[in-house]
Amino acid sequence: MTISYLKKAEKSSATGEDDTRATVSRMLAEIEAGGEQVCVDYAAKLDGYHGNILVTSDDIDQATSRLTQQVKDDIRFAHERVDKFAQRQRQALQDFEVELSPGLWAGQRQIPVQTAGCYIPGGRYSHVASAIMSVATAKAAGVKHVVACSPPKPGTGVNDAILYTANYCGADSILALGGVQGIAAMAFGLFTGRSADVLAGPGNRFVAEAKRMLFGRVGIDMFAGPTEIAVIADHTADPRIVASDLVGQAEHGPDSPVWLISLDAEVARKTIEIVPGLIESMPEPSRSAARSAWADYAEVILCDTREEAVEVSDKYAAEHLEIHCDDLDWWVDNLNNYGSLFVGEETTVTYGDKCSGTNHILPTKGASRYTGGLSVGKFIKTVTTQRMTREANREVGAAAARISRLEGMEGHARSGDDRLSKYFPTETFDLSH
């Protein structure tokens, strides 16, 4: 059994992280110290934008009027499926209470955070779908106030379709801010007076690093890097379709990893042959982004067995994982590490990215080994409760006191002692460890 590389990446998703970290650290410190004016200055300097930061209802109405009915219908189509899936996720998160022993009840409650900050990319591409994925999911979770932000364009502000979508999905405030300044504004409560409890949404490496640095002060959906795709293909795969899907994800950016794990040498070689032509046939900026991603971040791995392919795939733990193979149920049962799984040629990352219903904000850089993607659960706190009768203190109080003394925590022990003394004044308990 062998695992061999027909193409090896020159770079990894960690390339350039140190420079990014230094820039983001400086910007966050400046914005926290200087507040809203620093954000305004960064919007002017980095985006050439001099308009209002807090989007008005008139801005939204004007943006809506400039969209065709087909665009609005498509956005509503996508929202309906994403919202339906998110609502079902919410229903699966339930409160409960259980009696653990006579007189002792413990339970959990699902409480939405008060304010969520949703970042919607709008730089190289205007990610309308990301507005649906983050804002609609937060609203389905029951978040009371959702602040959305998206990079403005010089002289025009936030993309019309993004404005319409964020508003349609229920955003309560929308900021014309991008990058680190947008993340900082949501985290610090600038322009809205509402500091985000959770930050969510994809973005470039500066956005991702800002979220990572703020984690702890606020919650984040995940620390995400450039988008990734892995395709597992056997002899049944169509190299043209495989190549198309790889290129489709490579257009996200010049640092987007794309991986082909093949059980068939001919399928792998044909895919490698087809990819460059597909890239060169695309318009800019997609062409340049995909060309760099394929040159620097693409890998093609040849495996002898499907068990080897699973081993390789689980090691990569790709954000998006497509299966173009025979016996699809076997793959579903045996693969473990992925952000979202696309089973069979008939589905593709593009569908999940845009409108099929599952969330496209997913773990990258191997994080799917320990976490899934954005869901309503990211906006909900699972908190616990307990209550008990006085009678239950007889058993629980004595055990807690003894365990506390075993640990050397006398103050804890006396909390149990005092209740036992109050509730059962005529009884004697063994309270030493």
Protein backbone atom coordinates (compact mmCIF):
# COMPACT_ATOMS: atom_id res chain seq x y z
CA MET A 1 0.00 0.00 0.00
CA THR A 2 1.38 3.39 -0.97
CA ILE A 3 0.43 7.04 -0.82
CA SER A 4 2.20 9.18 -3.43
CA TYR A 5 2.02 12.79 -4.56
CA LEU A 6 1.53 13.70 -8.20
CA LYS A 7 1.55 17.37 -7.19
CA LYS A 8 2.87 18.92 -3.94
CA ALA A 9 2.04 22.37 -2.58
CA GLU A 10 4.77 24.99 -2.34
CA LYS A 11 3.03 26.84 0.50
CA SER A 12 0.70 26.11 3.42
CA SER A 13 -2.18 27.99 5.04
CA ALA A 14 0.23 29.21 7.72
CA THR A 15 2.35 31.17 5.22
CA GLY A 16 2.53 34.88 6.12
CA GLU A 17 0.80 34.63 9.50
CA ASP A 18 3.40 36.61 11.48
CA ASP A 19 3.05 39.78 9.41
CA THR A 20 -0.73 39.57 9.58
CA ARG A 21 -0.68 39.19 13.35
CA ALA A 22 1.45 42.29 13.87
CA THR A 23 -0.76 44.45 11.64
CA VAL A 24 -4.00 43.32 13.27
CA SER A 25 -2.65 43.77 16.79
CA ARG A 26 -1.69 47.37 16.05
CA MET A 27 -5.03 48.19 14.42
CA LEU A 28 -7.12 46.71 17.22
CA ALA A 29 -5.17 48.69 19.82
CA GLU A 30 -5.61 51.92 17.86
CA ILE A 31 -9.35 51.38 17.40
CA GLU A 32 -9.97 50.48 21.03
CA ALA A 33 -8.10 53.59 22.16
CA GLY A 34 -9.49 56.00 19.56
CA GLY A 35 -12.99 54.64 19.03
CA GLU A 36 -15.27 55.47 16.14
CA GLN A 37 -13.11 58.14 14.55
CA VAL A 38 -10.29 55.67 14.01
CA CYS A 39 -12.73 53.37 12.20
CA VAL A 40 -13.87 56.27 10.04
CA ASP A 41 -10.25 57.07 9.23
CA TYR A 42 -9.47 53.46 8.30
CA ALA A 43 -12.57 53.31 6.07
CA ALA A 44 -11.28 56.35 4.21
CA LYS A 45 -7.69 55.14 4.04
CA LEU A 46 -8.23 51.47 3.20
CA ASP A 47 -11.53 51.51 1.29
CA GLY A 48 -11.68 55.07 -0.06
CA TYR A 49 -15.07 55.46 1.65
CA HIS A 50 -16.23 58.74 3.17
CA GLY A 51 -19.95 58.12 3.67
CA ASN A 52 -22.04 57.18 6.70
CA ILE A 53 -20.83 54.17 8.62
CA LEU A 54 -24.21 53.24 10.08
CA VAL A 55 -26.43 52.32 7.14
CA THR A 56 -29.83 54.04 7.13
CA SER A 57 -33.23 52.69 6.10
CA ASP A 58 -33.12 55.06 3.11
CA ASP A 59 -29.83 53.46 2.02
CA ILE A 60 -31.46 50.04 2.19
CA ASP A 61 -34.55 51.19 0.28
CA GLN A 62 -32.41 52.69 -2.47
CA ALA A 63 -30.30 49.55 -2.73
CA THR A 64 -33.44 47.42 -2.93
CA SER A 65 -34.86 49.55 -5.74
CA ARG A 66 -31.74 48.98 -7.83
CA LEU A 67 -32.01 45.18 -7.72
CA THR A 68 -33.92 43.14 -10.27
CA GLN A 69 -36.78 40.94 -9.14
CA GLN A 70 -34.80 37.86 -10.21
CA VAL A 71 -31.96 38.78 -7.85
CA LYS A 72 -34.40 39.27 -4.98
CA ASP A 73 -36.15 35.98 -5.79
CA ASP A 74 -32.85 34.10 -5.80
CA ILE A 75 -31.85 35.60 -2.47
CA ARG A 76 -35.20 34.60 -0.99
CA PHE A 77 -34.80 31.09 -2.43
CA ALA A 78 -31.47 30.68 -0.66
CA HIS A 79 -32.75 32.23 2.57
CA GLU A 80 -35.73 29.88 2.70
CA ARG A 81 -33.51 26.80 2.67
CA VAL A 82 -30.83 28.10 5.01
CA ASP A 83 -33.45 29.35 7.47
CA LYS A 84 -35.39 26.06 7.34
CA PHE A 85 -32.22 24.09 8.10
CA ALA A 86 -31.25 26.48 10.91
CA GLN A 87 -34.73 26.33 12.43
CA ARG A 88 -34.49 22.53 12.50
CA GLN A 89 -31.11 22.82 14.22
CA ARG A 90 -32.69 25.08 16.83
CA GLN A 91 -35.44 22.57 17.49
CA ALA A 92 -32.80 19.92 18.17
CA LEU A 93 -31.35 22.01 21.03
CA GLN A 94 -33.73 21.40 23.88
CA ASP A 95 -34.11 22.38 27.50
CA PHE A 96 -34.49 19.53 29.95
CA GLU A 97 -34.50 18.70 33.64
CA VAL A 98 -33.79 15.28 35.14
CA GLU A 99 -33.97 13.92 38.68
CA LEU A 100 -30.48 12.50 39.28
CA SER A 101 -31.27 11.14 42.72
CA PRO A 102 -34.28 11.55 45.04
CA GLY A 103 -34.84 15.27 45.53
CA LEU A 104 -31.96 16.43 43.27
CA TRP A 105 -32.87 17.88 39.89
CA ALA A 106 -30.41 19.14 37.29
CA GLY A 107 -31.17 20.63 33.91
CA GLN A 108 -30.04 22.77 31.04
CA ARG A 109 -31.39 25.82 29.27
CA GLN A 110 -30.61 27.08 25.78
CA ILE A 111 -30.22 30.88 25.97
CA PRO A 112 -29.38 32.93 22.85
CA VAL A 113 -26.71 35.59 23.17
CA GLN A 114 -28.02 39.15 23.23
CA THR A 115 -25.96 40.60 20.36
CA ALA A 116 -24.22 38.92 17.43
CA GLY A 117 -21.79 40.54 15.00
CA CYS A 118 -21.90 39.12 11.47
CA TYR A 119 -19.11 39.90 9.03
CA ILE A 120 -20.06 39.78 5.34
CA PRO A 121 -17.11 39.84 2.90
CA GLY A 122 -17.37 42.33 0.07
CA GLY A 123 -13.85 42.86 -1.21
CA ARG A 124 -12.80 40.75 -4.20
CA TYR A 125 -16.32 39.30 -4.38
CA SER A 126 -19.64 40.38 -2.89
CA HIS A 127 -20.63 37.43 -0.74
CA VAL A 128 -24.41 37.71 -0.65
CA ALA A 129 -24.66 34.10 0.53
CA SER A 130 -22.52 34.88 3.58
CA ALA A 131 -25.10 37.41 4.71
CA ILE A 132 -27.72 34.67 4.66
CA MET A 133 -25.51 32.12 6.37
CA SER A 134 -24.60 34.34 9.32
CA VAL A 135 -27.53 36.72 9.83
CA ALA A 136 -30.34 34.21 9.18
CA THR A 137 -28.67 31.62 11.42
CA ALA A 138 -28.28 34.12 14.27
CA LYS A 139 -31.93 35.11 13.96
CA ALA A 140 -33.04 31.47 13.90
CA ALA A 141 -31.11 31.01 17.14
CA GLY A 142 -33.16 33.79 18.71
CA VAL A 143 -30.51 36.52 18.92
CA LYS A 144 -32.24 39.80 19.77
CA HIS A 145 -29.87 42.19 18.01
CA VAL A 146 -27.74 41.32 15.00
CA VAL A 147 -25.13 43.80 13.79
CA ALA A 148 -23.89 43.12 10.26
CA CYS A 149 -20.93 44.80 8.62
CA SER A 150 -19.50 44.68 5.12
CA PRO A 151 -16.73 46.55 3.29
CA PRO A 152 -17.90 49.64 1.39
CA LYS A 153 -16.84 50.60 -2.11
CA PRO A 154 -15.53 54.12 -2.81
CA GLY A 155 -18.40 56.50 -3.42
CA THR A 156 -21.11 53.83 -3.30
CA GLY A 157 -20.93 52.09 0.06
CA VAL A 158 -21.95 48.51 0.75
CA ASN A 159 -22.94 46.35 -2.21
CA ASP A 160 -26.68 46.70 -2.97
CA ALA A 161 -27.38 42.97 -2.88
CA ILE A 162 -25.55 42.56 0.44
CA LEU A 163 -27.55 45.42 1.95
CA TYR A 164 -30.82 43.95 0.73
CA THR A 165 -29.91 40.45 1.93
CA ALA A 166 -28.70 41.47 5.39
CA ASN A 167 -31.85 43.50 5.92
CA TYR A 168 -34.12 40.77 4.52
CA CYS A 169 -32.54 38.19 6.83
CA GLY A 170 -33.20 40.37 9.86
CA ALA A 171 -30.06 42.40 10.60
CA ASP A 172 -30.94 45.11 13.12
CA SER A 173 -27.94 47.33 12.32
CA ILE A 174 -25.66 47.37 9.29
CA LEU A 175 -22.22 49.00 9.24
CA ALA A 176 -20.35 50.11 6.14
CA LEU A 177 -17.03 48.85 7.44
CA GLY A 178 -14.68 46.11 6.35
CA GLY A 179 -11.61 44.33 7.59
CA VAL A 180 -10.18 44.74 11.06
CA GLN A 181 -12.09 47.97 11.62
CA GLY A 182 -15.39 46.23 10.98
CA ILE A 183 -14.61 43.39 13.37
CA ALA A 184 -13.38 45.84 16.02
CA ALA A 185 -16.46 48.06 15.68
CA MET A 186 -18.77 45.11 16.30
CA ALA A 187 -16.69 43.77 19.19
CA PHE A 188 -16.39 47.17 20.92
CA GLY A 189 -19.98 48.28 20.24
CA LEU A 190 -18.97 51.28 18.12
CA PHE A 191 -21.68 53.14 16.15
CA THR A 192 -24.44 50.95 17.64
CA GLY A 193 -23.80 50.98 21.38
CA ARG A 194 -24.12 47.18 21.34
CA SER A 195 -20.99 45.11 21.87
CA ALA A 196 -21.18 41.75 20.15
CA ASP A 197 -21.24 38.68 22.37
CA VAL A 198 -20.32 36.49 19.39
CA LEU A 199 -18.57 37.34 16.11
CA ALA A 200 -19.33 35.20 13.06
CA GLY A 201 -18.69 35.17 9.35
CA PRO A 202 -15.86 34.49 6.90
CA GLY A 203 -13.23 36.99 5.84
CA ASN A 204 -9.65 37.44 4.71
CA ARG A 205 -6.63 36.68 6.85
CA PHE A 206 -6.86 40.05 8.63
CA VAL A 207 -10.49 39.46 9.57
CA ALA A 208 -9.69 35.95 10.77
CA GLU A 209 -6.76 37.16 12.86
CA ALA A 210 -8.83 39.98 14.40
CA LYS A 211 -11.44 37.44 15.49
CA ARG A 212 -8.75 35.18 16.91
CA MET A 213 -7.20 38.00 18.92
CA LEU A 214 -10.56 39.10 20.30
CA PHE A 215 -11.59 35.58 21.30
CA GLY A 216 -12.15 35.50 25.03
CA ARG A 217 -13.49 39.03 25.17
CA VAL A 218 -16.12 37.84 22.71
CA GLY A 219 -17.05 34.45 21.34
CA ILE A 220 -16.24 33.59 17.74
CA ASP A 221 -17.67 31.03 15.38
CA MET A 222 -14.20 29.63 14.65
CA PHE A 223 -10.69 30.70 13.67
CA ALA A 224 -10.82 30.22 9.93
CA GLY A 225 -8.19 30.51 7.26
CA PRO A 226 -8.53 30.52 3.47
CA THR A 227 -11.27 28.31 2.08
CA GLU A 228 -10.35 24.71 1.22
CA ILE A 229 -11.67 21.85 -0.88
CA ALA A 230 -10.72 18.19 -1.05
CA VAL A 231 -12.13 15.78 -3.59
CA ILE A 232 -11.87 12.01 -3.24
CA ALA A 233 -12.18 10.37 -6.66
CA ASP A 234 -12.08 6.79 -7.90
CA HIS A 235 -12.32 5.26 -11.39
CA THR A 236 -15.99 6.29 -11.68
CA ALA A 237 -15.21 10.02 -11.34
CA ASP A 238 -15.48 12.45 -14.25
CA PRO A 239 -12.15 14.36 -14.41
CA ARG A 240 -13.86 17.37 -16.04
CA ILE A 241 -16.33 17.70 -13.13
CA VAL A 242 -13.61 17.14 -10.55
CA ALA A 243 -11.41 19.79 -12.16
CA SER A 244 -14.33 22.22 -12.35
CA ASP A 245 -15.03 21.86 -8.63
CA LEU A 246 -11.38 22.31 -7.69
CA VAL A 247 -11.08 25.46 -9.80
CA GLY A 248 -14.37 26.76 -8.44
CA GLN A 249 -12.93 26.85 -4.94
CA ALA A 250 -9.48 28.04 -6.04
CA GLU A 251 -11.03 31.27 -7.30
CA HIS A 252 -11.72 32.30 -3.69
CA GLY A 253 -8.16 33.57 -3.37
CA PRO A 254 -4.52 32.97 -4.22
CA ASP A 255 -3.97 31.15 -0.91
CA SER A 256 -6.91 28.71 -1.11
CA PRO A 257 -5.77 25.08 -0.80
CA VAL A 258 -7.28 22.55 -3.23
CA TRP A 259 -6.62 18.84 -2.81
CA LEU A 260 -7.40 15.83 -4.98
CA ILE A 261 -7.16 12.41 -3.35
CA SER A 262 -7.46 9.87 -6.13
CA LEU A 263 -7.72 6.10 -6.24
CA ASP A 264 -7.21 6.13 -9.99
CA ALA A 265 -4.00 7.39 -11.61
CA GLU A 266 -5.66 8.16 -14.94
CA VAL A 267 -8.42 10.25 -13.32
CA ALA A 268 -5.76 12.17 -11.38
CA ARG A 269 -3.61 12.84 -14.44
CA LYS A 270 -6.54 13.92 -16.58
CA THR A 271 -7.72 16.28 -13.85
CA ILE A 272 -4.25 17.84 -13.66
CA GLU A 273 -4.30 18.32 -17.43
CA ILE A 274 -7.75 19.93 -17.46
CA VAL A 275 -7.35 22.39 -14.57
CA PRO A 276 -5.04 24.99 -16.22
CA GLY A 277 -7.36 25.41 -19.19
CA LEU A 278 -10.36 25.94 -16.95
CA ILE A 279 -8.44 28.54 -14.97
CA GLU A 280 -7.33 30.46 -18.04
CA SER A 281 -10.89 30.53 -19.39
CA MET A 282 -12.17 32.47 -16.36
CA PRO A 283 -12.43 36.26 -16.10
CA GLU A 284 -10.44 38.34 -13.66
CA PRO A 285 -10.03 38.42 -10.70
CA SER A 286 -11.01 34.74 -10.60
CA ARG A 287 -8.33 33.74 -13.09
CA SER A 288 -5.38 35.21 -11.20
CA ALA A 289 -6.62 33.95 -7.84
CA ALA A 290 -7.16 30.40 -9.08
CA ARG A 291 -3.87 30.36 -10.99
CA SER A 292 -1.91 31.21 -7.84
CA ALA A 293 -3.89 28.83 -5.66
CA TRP A 294 -3.31 25.95 -8.06
CA ALA A 295 0.38 26.71 -8.44
CA ASP A 296 1.19 27.23 -4.76
CA TYR A 297 -1.44 25.41 -2.68
CA ALA A 298 -2.76 22.49 -4.75
CA GLU A 299 -1.89 18.89 -4.05
CA VAL A 300 -2.81 15.69 -5.88
CA ILE A 301 -2.39 12.49 -3.89
CA LEU A 302 -2.63 8.98 -5.30
CA CYS A 303 -3.77 6.17 -2.98
CA ASP A 304 -3.95 2.42 -3.57
CA THR A 305 -6.93 1.72 -1.32
CA ARG A 306 -9.96 3.57 -0.07
CA GLU A 307 -8.73 3.04 3.50
CA GLU A 308 -5.60 4.99 2.57
CA ALA A 309 -7.76 7.70 1.02
CA VAL A 310 -9.74 8.00 4.25
CA GLU A 311 -6.50 8.24 6.22
CA VAL A 312 -5.21 11.04 3.99
CA SER A 313 -8.55 12.87 3.96
CA ASP A 314 -8.94 12.74 7.74
CA LYS A 315 -5.40 14.12 8.09
CA TYR A 316 -6.21 17.10 5.85
CA ALA A 317 -9.57 17.58 7.64
CA ALA A 318 -10.79 19.71 4.75
CA GLU A 319 -13.37 22.44 5.06
CA HIS A 320 -15.29 21.05 2.07
CA LEU A 321 -15.04 17.39 1.12
CA GLU A 322 -16.55 15.98 -2.07
CA ILE A 323 -16.89 12.24 -2.75
CA HIS A 324 -16.83 11.20 -6.43
CA CYS A 325 -16.73 7.48 -5.86
CA ASP A 326 -18.61 4.22 -6.03
CA ASP A 327 -20.27 2.81 -2.86
CA LEU A 328 -21.02 6.24 -1.40
CA ASP A 329 -22.50 4.92 1.84
CA TRP A 330 -19.14 3.33 2.72
CA TRP A 331 -17.44 6.70 2.49
CA VAL A 332 -20.10 8.43 4.59
CA ASP A 333 -19.70 5.77 7.28
CA ASN A 334 -15.89 5.88 7.36
CA LEU A 335 -14.88 9.52 6.89
CA ASN A 336 -14.57 11.54 10.10
CA ASN A 337 -12.92 14.92 9.60
CA TYR A 338 -14.57 17.51 7.36
CA GLY A 339 -16.53 20.72 7.67
CA SER A 340 -19.26 19.69 5.24
CA LEU A 341 -19.55 16.53 3.14
CA PHE A 342 -20.82 16.53 -0.45
CA VAL A 343 -21.87 13.02 -1.36
CA GLY A 344 -21.74 12.09 -5.03
CA GLU A 345 -21.15 13.99 -8.26
CA GLU A 346 -24.70 15.38 -8.23
CA THR A 347 -23.89 17.82 -5.44
CA THR A 348 -21.03 20.28 -5.19
CA VAL A 349 -19.49 22.81 -2.83
CA THR A 350 -21.05 25.56 -4.92
CA TYR A 351 -24.53 24.42 -3.93
CA GLY A 352 -23.67 24.40 -0.25
CA ASP A 353 -21.89 27.73 -0.58
CA LYS A 354 -24.90 29.45 -2.09
CA CYS A 355 -28.34 28.00 -1.51
CA SER A 356 -28.84 24.31 -0.72
CA GLY A 357 -29.43 24.93 2.99
CA THR A 358 -26.42 23.88 5.04
CA ASN A 359 -24.13 26.60 6.33
CA HIS A 360 -21.04 27.55 4.33
CA ILE A 361 -19.14 29.10 7.25
CA LEU A 362 -16.96 26.09 8.04
CA PRO A 363 -13.73 25.11 9.85
CA THR A 364 -10.44 25.30 7.97
CA LYS A 365 -6.77 24.62 8.71
CA GLY A 366 -7.54 21.20 10.20
CA ALA A 367 -10.10 22.51 12.69
CA SER A 368 -12.74 20.04 11.53
CA ARG A 369 -10.89 17.50 13.68
CA TYR A 370 -12.62 19.10 16.67
CA THR A 371 -15.42 21.38 15.49
CA GLY A 372 -18.17 21.71 12.94
CA GLY A 373 -19.28 24.79 11.06
CA LEU A 374 -21.51 27.70 11.97
CA SER A 375 -24.86 26.63 13.37
CA VAL A 376 -27.51 28.06 15.64
CA GLY A 377 -25.58 26.50 18.50
CA LYS A 378 -22.78 29.04 18.04
CA PHE A 379 -25.21 31.79 19.05
CA ILE A 380 -26.68 29.90 22.00
CA LYS A 381 -25.34 29.33 25.49
CA THR A 382 -26.13 25.94 26.99
CA VAL A 383 -26.36 26.75 30.69
CA THR A 384 -27.12 24.43 33.56
CA THR A 385 -29.46 24.67 36.54
CA GLN A 386 -29.97 22.64 39.67
CA ARG A 387 -32.39 22.50 42.56
CA MET A 388 -32.94 20.09 45.42
CA THR A 389 -35.04 19.41 48.45
CA ARG A 390 -33.81 19.68 52.02
CA GLU A 391 -34.02 15.93 52.31
CA ALA A 392 -31.61 15.52 49.37
CA ASN A 393 -29.02 17.55 51.32
CA ARG A 394 -28.61 14.65 53.71
CA GLU A 395 -26.81 12.60 51.04
CA VAL A 396 -25.39 15.29 48.76
CA GLY A 397 -24.21 17.62 51.54
CA ALA A 398 -22.25 14.94 53.35
CA ALA A 399 -20.60 13.65 50.16
CA ALA A 400 -19.70 17.17 49.01
CA ALA A 401 -18.17 18.00 52.42
CA ARG A 402 -16.03 14.87 52.42
CA ILE A 403 -14.82 15.40 48.85
CA SER A 404 -14.00 19.04 49.65
CA ARG A 405 -11.88 18.02 52.64
CA LEU A 406 -10.17 15.37 50.53
CA GLU A 407 -9.14 18.20 48.22
CA GLY A 408 -8.10 20.42 51.13
CA MET A 409 -10.92 22.95 50.55
CA GLU A 410 -12.32 23.55 54.02
CA GLY A 411 -14.44 26.54 53.00
CA HIS A 412 -16.30 24.42 50.50
CA ALA A 413 -16.78 21.67 53.07
CA ARG A 414 -18.35 24.05 55.56
CA SER A 415 -21.02 25.10 53.05
CA GLY A 416 -22.22 21.51 53.27
CA ASP A 417 -21.67 21.29 57.03
CA ASP A 418 -23.80 24.36 57.72
CA ARG A 419 -26.75 23.10 55.73
CA LEU A 420 -26.63 19.70 57.36
CA SER A 421 -26.51 21.37 60.77
CA LYS A 422 -29.48 23.59 59.92
CA TYR A 423 -31.69 21.01 58.22
CA PHE A 424 -30.88 18.01 60.44
CA PRO A 425 -29.94 19.46 63.87
CA THR A 426 -30.41 16.19 65.75
CA GLU A 427 -28.37 14.01 63.39
CA THR A 428 -24.64 13.24 63.27
CA PHE A 429 -22.80 12.92 59.97
CA ASP A 430 -19.37 11.54 59.05
CA LEU A 431 -17.89 14.64 57.36
CA SER A 432 -14.18 13.82 57.34
CA HIS A 433 -12.49 12.28 54.36
